[in-house]
Amino acid sequence: MLIIRPIETNDYPALYQIAQDSGIGFTSLPVNEELLKNKIAESIKAFNSNPQRAGEQSYLLVMEDTQTGEVVGTSGIEATVGLQDAFYHYHVGKVVHASRELNVHNTVDILTFCNDYSGVSEICTLFLQEKARKGLAGRLLSKCRFLFMAQHQQRFADIVIAEMRGVSDERGKSPFWEWLEDHFFSVDFPTADYLTGIGNKVFIAELMPKYPIYVNLLSKAAQNCIGQVHDKTLPALRMLEKEGFKCRGYVDIFDAGPTVEADVSNIATVRQSHEASVEISTNTELDDCDEHFIINSEVASFRACIGRIKILDNNKVAISEKLAKALLVKEGATIRYAHNSLQHY
């Protein structure tokens, strides 16, 4: 069985391997021992905190195969972004150059440097090892975050975003960054990406052009990258779009990948989720029941998995002993669940 749980100190080797496997452009997991260990420590601190409003907590989850004990994926939530360190984006807008006298009217796209998403929550760090990319594993890794946010709303902002990896090749070559590098930075994309991942963002403020950039002045290759995602990121983007996430014209300052956003209360999994108290059953009829994405109602001992439940009267559900054990719940405990409906996919 695959379960989702908070990361632990002894998960460091697995997290380091994931950081290596995720490749260039996966900014939230740079291959840096000190930073990765700090991420684990900050996550443990967050899961043991009791905030009454969204703060600077950073929650990092791992997917574990209970048969082997192996960690095969990660998924994370930042309670807020941009409150301590600047959080940069480009916003794609338009300006009009017009002259009645000359009968000229030109609309031009521009990129404006901004910090508009400061204070929102962010889902991030989703990576699933290739050997585990089957069945519902990817959806569980994504959806468990929405169920956690629904269950513990006071810990998060009303708006949540996701930064999608933009276009780059296997060597980390980004056409969009190449243009910026040539004109402003003189630092290649892997280096810039790594520096940002370890929290060194000062160079961005120092070197990034402060005035809007006219898109038509960029190279054609750079223009074509704006708002586009990496091939390996496309399934994740499609999944988020089905949940109700939309791009409002904000793109990453390094690779121009889109940032998508949603009101937490309008996310499909949140809207369609339900709370219920548990009855533990040995009834084999559960084998014929539908599969659901399920979480317990805990924080420090959070668990999520996929399982079959039988919906009963009086806001109760029946689950198997095996599922109760995986979720760390006892008779009468509260769970939150969302149906594995294919209608949104």
Foldseek 3Di string as FASTA:
>chain_A
DKKKWFDAQVCLVVLLVQLVVVAFQQLQRHNDSVLSNVLSVQQLVLLPDDDQAADQGKTKMFIADVVVRDTFWIKIKGQWPCPVAQDKWWFWDWDWDDDPVVGDIDIFIKTAIDRVRGGAMEIGRTDGHPVPPDDCVSVLNVLVVLQLCLLVVRHHDQKYKYAAGWDDDNVRQALQQVQCCVPWNVDGRRVVSHCVSSPNCPVCVVTPDNDIGTLVVGDPSNSVGAQHHYPVRVVVVLVQVLQPWDFPRIAHPRRNHTMTMDRSCSGNQSVQKAKAFEDEDPDPCQVVAFKKWKWFSGRSGIMIDIGGWAQDPPRYIYGYPVVCVRRVHDGGGMMMIGGPDPPSD
